[in-house]
Amino acid sequence: MPRLWARIIKKHRIDRQATAECAFQDAEAALTELCRGFDIPRPIWLNKHTREFEEFRRTQFLPEHFIEEVPFQKLEIEFLEDDDHSRRSRDPRNQFDGD
């Protein structure tokens, strides 16, 4: 199932993260659910966010995109397709030898 991945970035590091199952067109509803889980206000979704999300499958919300003050630098969301492909690198330098 495709998912929306949300990350709260604080001091250039991921402070909290979560995913919610959703279809691409239901991303705004999934964002509302994730914000409720993070106990943060929902950001204002602008045309800029729609364009970025449609083109790149990701966007970010800065503190000025929230009506209330938030204690982090940004909220990033990314749509993760469920393509049934292995997400592991096939590069031989990254092989793990279990011996």
Protein backbone atom coordinates (compact mmCIF):
# COMPACT_ATOMS: atom_id res chain seq x y z
CA MET A 1 0.00 0.00 0.00
CA PRO A 2 1.37 3.47 -0.83
CA ARG A 3 2.21 5.66 2.14
CA LEU A 4 2.80 9.28 3.08
CA TRP A 5 5.99 9.72 5.09
CA ALA A 6 6.21 12.79 7.35
CA ARG A 7 9.37 14.00 9.11
CA ILE A 8 9.76 16.78 11.65
CA ILE A 9 13.17 18.38 11.20
CA LYS A 10 14.73 20.09 14.21
CA LYS A 11 18.33 21.38 14.21
CA HIS A 12 18.90 19.75 10.78
CA ARG A 13 18.04 16.27 12.08
CA ILE A 14 14.93 14.13 11.95
CA ASP A 15 13.29 14.64 15.33
CA ARG A 16 10.17 12.54 14.70
CA GLN A 17 8.78 10.60 11.76
CA ALA A 18 5.71 8.58 10.89
CA THR A 19 3.90 7.11 7.91
CA ALA A 20 0.23 6.80 7.01
CA GLU A 21 -1.27 4.63 4.30
CA CYS A 22 -2.98 6.69 1.62
CA ALA A 23 -3.60 7.10 -2.07
CA PHE A 24 -1.78 9.94 -3.84
CA GLN A 25 -4.92 12.07 -4.14
CA ASP A 26 -5.63 11.67 -0.38
CA ALA A 27 -2.32 13.14 0.79
CA GLU A 28 -3.88 16.16 2.48
CA ALA A 29 -6.16 13.97 4.60
CA ALA A 30 -3.21 11.74 5.52
CA LEU A 31 -1.21 14.85 6.49
CA THR A 32 -4.01 15.86 8.85
CA GLU A 33 -3.89 12.41 10.47
CA LEU A 34 -0.09 12.54 10.83
CA CYS A 35 -0.18 16.03 12.35
CA ARG A 36 -2.75 14.81 14.87
CA GLY A 37 -0.38 11.97 15.79
CA PHE A 38 2.55 14.41 16.16
CA ASP A 39 0.28 16.73 18.22
CA ILE A 40 1.12 19.70 16.00
CA PRO A 41 -1.19 22.06 14.08
CA ARG A 42 -1.91 21.25 10.45
CA PRO A 43 0.02 23.51 8.06
CA ILE A 44 -1.62 25.65 5.40
CA TRP A 45 -1.45 23.78 2.06
CA LEU A 46 -0.60 26.34 -0.64
CA ASN A 47 -0.49 26.08 -4.43
CA LYS A 48 3.31 25.88 -4.08
CA HIS A 49 2.93 22.68 -2.07
CA THR A 50 0.52 21.20 -4.61
CA ARG A 51 2.92 21.87 -7.49
CA GLU A 52 5.92 20.42 -5.61
CA PHE A 53 3.97 17.38 -4.45
CA GLU A 54 2.64 16.61 -7.93
CA GLU A 55 6.01 17.09 -9.62
CA PHE A 56 8.43 15.63 -7.07
CA ARG A 57 6.14 13.57 -4.80
CA ARG A 58 7.44 15.59 -1.84
CA THR A 59 7.17 19.04 -0.28
CA GLN A 60 8.08 20.86 2.92
CA PHE A 61 6.28 23.16 5.31
CA LEU A 62 8.22 25.89 7.13
CA PRO A 63 7.14 27.59 10.38
CA GLU A 64 5.48 30.41 8.39
CA HIS A 65 3.09 27.83 6.88
CA PHE A 66 1.52 27.22 10.32
CA ILE A 67 -0.97 29.51 12.03
CA GLU A 68 0.38 28.61 15.47
CA GLU A 69 4.03 28.71 16.47
CA VAL A 70 5.88 25.40 16.02
CA PRO A 71 9.11 24.27 17.73
CA PHE A 72 10.87 22.89 14.63
CA GLN A 73 12.54 24.08 11.41
CA LYS A 74 10.34 22.24 8.92
CA LEU A 75 7.88 19.45 8.30
CA GLU A 76 8.72 17.37 5.22
CA ILE A 77 6.32 14.97 3.56
CA GLU A 78 7.05 12.45 0.84
CA PHE A 79 4.78 10.04 -1.02
CA LEU A 80 6.18 6.51 -1.11
CA GLU A 81 4.90 4.36 -3.95
CA ASP A 82 4.40 0.68 -3.29
CA ASP A 83 6.17 -0.67 -6.35
CA ASP A 84 7.17 -4.09 -4.99
CA HIS A 85 10.80 -3.42 -5.88
CA SER A 86 13.63 -4.10 -3.50
CA ARG A 87 14.87 -0.85 -2.02
CA ARG A 88 18.26 -2.30 -1.17
CA SER A 89 21.27 -1.12 -3.06
CA ARG A 90 22.69 -3.56 -5.57
CA ASP A 91 26.10 -1.95 -5.33
CA PRO A 92 28.65 -4.66 -4.38
CA ARG A 93 30.35 -2.21 -1.99
CA ASN A 94 27.21 -2.29 0.15
CA GLN A 95 26.90 -6.07 0.39
CA PHE A 96 26.68 -7.47 3.87
CA ASP A 97 28.42 -10.78 4.40
CA GLY A 98 26.66 -12.54 7.25
CA ASP A 99 29.63 -14.82 8.06
